Amino acid sequence: MCAGGFHCSRLSLLSLNVLYMIISIVLMSLAGYANHVGIITAPPVVGGILAVGIFLFLVSFLGIFATVKHHQVGLFFYVVILFILFIVEFSVSIACLALSHTQQLSVIEKAWNTVPDTMKQDAMKQLDCCGFDRSDYEAKWTDEPWKCVDHGISVPDSDPTRDYAFCKDVINDRTDAAVDNAGFVALIFSFTEMFGVWLAIRFRNQRNPAGPSARAFE
């Protein structure tokens, strides 16, 4: 039976890190698939997803190795890294949940002005919108070298009074629920990391019954 002893802690920590490893593999596969089929062609986005997946894979590998070997130094660094991840992810989740509609729109506009044109073109193709707002549309996306109409993207007609949904409106509508959901998921995931920190510290201080000479960290 598992009653909170050494073997129970080891099994729980291994299970948690296997879960992290599965998530990391999914992220890396998602990045490769999105790049292969052309869903995302912007290198920064694909690279970012891939980097997160690789980093999470390495952390989970360290956790599994240190747990199997009951490696004191490995467990120490695992705890430090996981605690830093908890602080970052918890802060991001709270920021997402506390983000107001006005702040969200401001963040979207700053992001649009910062990202390269290739990412904007990807977004416009996926969302079927042209230009962040009317001024951006008229200044950049009506002439060569890249016109929305050449890529089958809906564009505003010549009537300036028409209520046309520019990318600002489309992105804002879609991110309303997405930001809240992302914040909630990140909050839950951050608590699993805190649980992992507690479990790793507890396991590190337990004596391995198979090795009487093993010393717990003091």
Protein backbone atom coordinates (compact mmCIF):
# COMPACT_ATOMS: atom_id res chain seq x y z
CA MET A 1 0.00 0.00 0.00
CA CYS A 2 1.01 3.59 -0.62
CA ALA A 3 0.81 5.49 2.65
CA GLY A 4 3.01 8.50 2.01
CA GLY A 5 6.36 6.76 2.40
CA PHE A 6 9.45 6.78 0.22
CA HIS A 7 8.03 4.63 -2.57
CA CYS A 8 4.75 6.53 -2.62
CA SER A 9 6.57 9.87 -2.95
CA ARG A 10 8.78 8.45 -5.70
CA LEU A 11 5.78 7.12 -7.64
CA SER A 12 3.90 10.42 -7.32
CA LEU A 13 6.90 12.47 -8.44
CA LEU A 14 7.54 10.16 -11.37
CA SER A 15 3.89 10.39 -12.45
CA LEU A 16 3.97 14.18 -12.30
CA ASN A 17 7.11 14.37 -14.42
CA VAL A 18 5.76 11.87 -16.94
CA LEU A 19 2.76 14.20 -17.30
CA TYR A 20 5.10 17.16 -17.89
CA MET A 21 7.03 15.12 -20.45
CA ILE A 22 3.83 14.22 -22.34
CA ILE A 23 2.82 17.90 -22.42
CA SER A 24 6.27 18.86 -23.71
CA ILE A 25 6.10 16.26 -26.49
CA VAL A 26 2.65 17.54 -27.48
CA LEU A 27 3.99 21.10 -27.66
CA MET A 28 6.98 20.08 -29.80
CA SER A 29 4.74 18.03 -32.10
CA LEU A 30 2.31 20.93 -32.37
CA ALA A 31 5.10 23.30 -33.39
CA GLY A 32 6.36 20.88 -36.03
CA TYR A 33 2.89 20.17 -37.39
CA ALA A 34 1.90 23.85 -37.54
CA ASN A 35 5.09 24.70 -39.40
CA HIS A 36 4.76 21.74 -41.79
CA VAL A 37 1.18 22.39 -42.90
CA GLY A 38 1.66 26.15 -42.97
CA ILE A 39 -0.77 27.06 -40.19
CA ILE A 40 1.98 29.21 -38.68
CA THR A 41 4.83 30.37 -40.90
CA ALA A 42 6.35 33.01 -38.63
CA PRO A 43 9.60 31.59 -37.15
CA PRO A 44 9.26 33.43 -33.79
CA VAL A 45 5.94 31.73 -33.01
CA VAL A 46 7.06 28.24 -34.05
CA GLY A 47 10.40 28.74 -32.31
CA GLY A 48 8.71 29.94 -29.13
CA ILE A 49 6.39 26.93 -28.93
CA LEU A 50 9.29 24.59 -29.69
CA ALA A 51 11.52 26.24 -27.07
CA VAL A 52 8.86 25.90 -24.37
CA GLY A 53 8.37 22.24 -25.27
CA ILE A 54 12.11 21.50 -25.20
CA PHE A 55 12.60 23.33 -21.90
CA LEU A 56 9.70 21.49 -20.26
CA PHE A 57 11.05 18.20 -21.62
CA LEU A 58 14.48 18.86 -20.10
CA VAL A 59 12.96 19.83 -16.74
CA SER A 60 10.81 16.69 -16.67
CA PHE A 61 13.81 14.56 -17.70
CA LEU A 62 15.83 16.05 -14.83
CA GLY A 63 12.95 15.31 -12.47
CA ILE A 64 12.65 11.69 -13.61
CA PHE A 65 16.42 11.10 -13.45
CA ALA A 66 16.78 12.68 -10.00
CA THR A 67 13.75 10.79 -8.69
CA VAL A 68 14.85 7.37 -9.96
CA LYS A 69 18.39 7.84 -8.63
CA HIS A 70 17.28 9.74 -5.51
CA HIS A 71 19.99 12.18 -6.55
CA GLN A 72 20.31 14.94 -3.95
CA VAL A 73 21.94 17.56 -6.19
CA GLY A 74 19.60 16.77 -9.09
CA LEU A 75 16.55 17.11 -6.84
CA PHE A 76 17.87 20.42 -5.49
CA PHE A 77 18.21 21.97 -8.95
CA TYR A 78 14.86 20.48 -9.96
CA VAL A 79 13.19 22.19 -6.99
CA VAL A 80 14.85 25.54 -7.80
CA ILE A 81 13.86 25.44 -11.48
CA LEU A 82 10.30 24.31 -10.75
CA PHE A 83 9.85 27.03 -8.11
CA ILE A 84 11.01 29.71 -10.56
CA LEU A 85 8.55 28.35 -13.13
CA PHE A 86 5.80 28.49 -10.50
CA ILE A 87 6.49 32.15 -9.73
CA VAL A 88 6.54 33.13 -13.41
CA GLU A 89 3.46 31.13 -14.37
CA PHE A 90 1.47 32.18 -11.31
CA SER A 91 2.24 35.85 -12.04
CA VAL A 92 1.23 35.46 -15.69
CA SER A 93 -2.02 33.70 -14.77
CA ILE A 94 -3.01 36.43 -12.31
CA ALA A 95 -2.17 39.10 -14.89
CA CYS A 96 -4.36 37.34 -17.49
CA LEU A 97 -7.30 37.01 -15.12
CA ALA A 98 -7.00 40.64 -13.98
CA LEU A 99 -6.65 42.10 -17.49
CA SER A 100 -9.40 44.59 -18.30
CA HIS A 101 -10.97 45.04 -21.75
CA THR A 102 -9.15 48.35 -22.31
CA GLN A 103 -5.81 46.93 -21.21
CA GLN A 104 -6.34 43.91 -23.44
CA LEU A 105 -6.98 46.11 -26.48
CA SER A 106 -3.86 48.14 -25.69
CA VAL A 107 -1.76 44.97 -25.44
CA ILE A 108 -3.15 43.70 -28.76
CA GLU A 109 -2.31 46.98 -30.49
CA LYS A 110 1.24 47.03 -29.13
CA ALA A 111 1.74 43.42 -30.17
CA TRP A 112 0.43 44.14 -33.68
CA ASN A 113 2.83 47.05 -34.07
CA THR A 114 5.75 44.96 -32.83
CA VAL A 115 5.43 41.68 -34.75
CA PRO A 116 6.85 41.27 -38.28
CA ASP A 117 4.65 41.52 -41.36
CA THR A 118 4.78 37.75 -41.92
CA MET A 119 2.96 37.18 -38.63
CA LYS A 120 0.39 39.86 -39.51
CA GLN A 121 -0.20 38.18 -42.86
CA ASP A 122 -0.70 34.81 -41.14
CA ALA A 123 -3.20 36.37 -38.76
CA MET A 124 -5.14 38.09 -41.54
CA LYS A 125 -5.36 34.85 -43.54
CA GLN A 126 -6.57 32.85 -40.55
CA LEU A 127 -9.03 35.48 -39.28
CA ASP A 128 -10.17 36.79 -42.70
CA CYS A 129 -9.57 40.41 -41.77
CA CYS A 130 -7.39 43.09 -43.31
CA GLY A 131 -5.44 45.66 -41.32
CA PHE A 132 -5.50 46.35 -37.61
CA ASP A 133 -7.89 49.25 -38.12
CA ARG A 134 -8.97 51.40 -41.07
CA SER A 135 -5.89 53.63 -41.00
CA ASP A 136 -3.57 50.60 -40.94
CA TYR A 137 -5.55 48.99 -43.76
CA GLU A 138 -5.43 52.07 -45.99
CA ALA A 139 -1.76 52.77 -45.26
CA LYS A 140 -0.32 49.30 -45.78
CA TRP A 141 -2.55 46.57 -47.15
CA THR A 142 -4.20 48.08 -50.24
CA ASP A 143 -1.07 48.34 -52.42
CA GLU A 144 1.81 46.14 -53.50
CA PRO A 145 3.84 44.21 -52.51
CA TRP A 146 1.18 42.51 -50.35
CA LYS A 147 -2.52 43.18 -50.92
CA CYS A 148 -5.27 41.44 -48.98
CA VAL A 149 -7.42 41.00 -52.09
CA ASP A 150 -4.66 38.98 -53.77
CA HIS A 151 -4.92 36.39 -50.98
CA GLY A 152 -8.70 36.02 -50.90
CA ILE A 153 -9.07 38.08 -47.74
CA SER A 154 -12.23 40.12 -47.24
CA VAL A 155 -11.60 43.86 -47.41
CA PRO A 156 -13.69 46.91 -46.55
CA ASP A 157 -15.68 48.32 -49.43
CA SER A 158 -15.43 51.90 -50.55
CA ASP A 159 -18.18 53.01 -48.17
CA PRO A 160 -16.42 54.48 -45.10
CA THR A 161 -19.61 54.18 -43.05
CA ARG A 162 -19.73 50.40 -43.40
CA ASP A 163 -19.37 48.54 -40.11
CA TYR A 164 -16.42 46.38 -41.10
CA ALA A 165 -14.67 44.08 -38.65
CA PHE A 166 -10.98 44.88 -38.79
CA CYS A 167 -8.40 42.61 -37.18
CA LYS A 168 -8.54 44.68 -34.01
CA ASP A 169 -12.18 43.73 -33.49
CA VAL A 170 -11.79 40.09 -34.53
CA ILE A 171 -8.72 39.48 -32.37
CA ASN A 172 -10.24 41.29 -29.40
CA ASP A 173 -13.44 39.22 -29.58
CA ARG A 174 -11.52 35.96 -29.81
CA THR A 175 -9.03 36.79 -27.07
CA ASP A 176 -11.67 37.81 -24.51
CA ALA A 177 -12.47 34.21 -23.60
CA ALA A 178 -9.03 32.90 -24.58
CA VAL A 179 -7.20 35.14 -22.09
CA ASP A 180 -9.49 34.10 -19.24
CA ASN A 181 -9.17 30.42 -20.15
CA ALA A 182 -5.39 30.71 -20.50
CA GLY A 183 -5.15 32.41 -17.12
CA PHE A 184 -7.27 29.72 -15.48
CA VAL A 185 -5.28 26.86 -17.06
CA ALA A 186 -1.97 28.54 -16.15
CA LEU A 187 -3.17 29.00 -12.57
CA ILE A 188 -4.04 25.30 -12.25
CA PHE A 189 -0.75 24.28 -13.90
CA SER A 190 1.22 26.55 -11.56
CA PHE A 191 -0.35 24.78 -8.57
CA THR A 192 0.82 21.44 -9.97
CA GLU A 193 4.32 22.93 -10.10
CA MET A 194 4.04 24.04 -6.47
CA PHE A 195 2.86 20.53 -5.60
CA GLY A 196 5.90 19.20 -7.47
CA VAL A 197 8.20 21.47 -5.44
CA TRP A 198 6.69 20.27 -2.16
CA LEU A 199 6.80 16.64 -3.27
CA ALA A 200 10.42 16.88 -4.46
CA ILE A 201 11.56 18.48 -1.18
CA ARG A 202 9.70 15.82 0.81
CA PHE A 203 11.15 13.01 -1.31
CA ARG A 204 14.65 14.50 -1.08
CA ASN A 205 14.53 14.41 2.71
CA GLN A 206 13.33 10.81 2.89
CA ARG A 207 15.77 7.95 3.40
CA ASN A 208 15.87 5.27 0.75
CA PRO A 209 15.02 1.98 2.51
CA ALA A 210 17.01 0.11 -0.14
CA GLY A 211 20.15 2.02 0.80
CA PRO A 212 20.68 2.31 4.58
CA SER A 213 23.72 4.50 4.07
CA ALA A 214 21.78 7.10 2.05
CA ARG A 215 21.60 10.37 3.91
CA ALA A 216 18.69 12.77 3.77
CA PHE A 217 19.34 16.42 3.10
CA GLU A 218 19.51 18.52 6.19
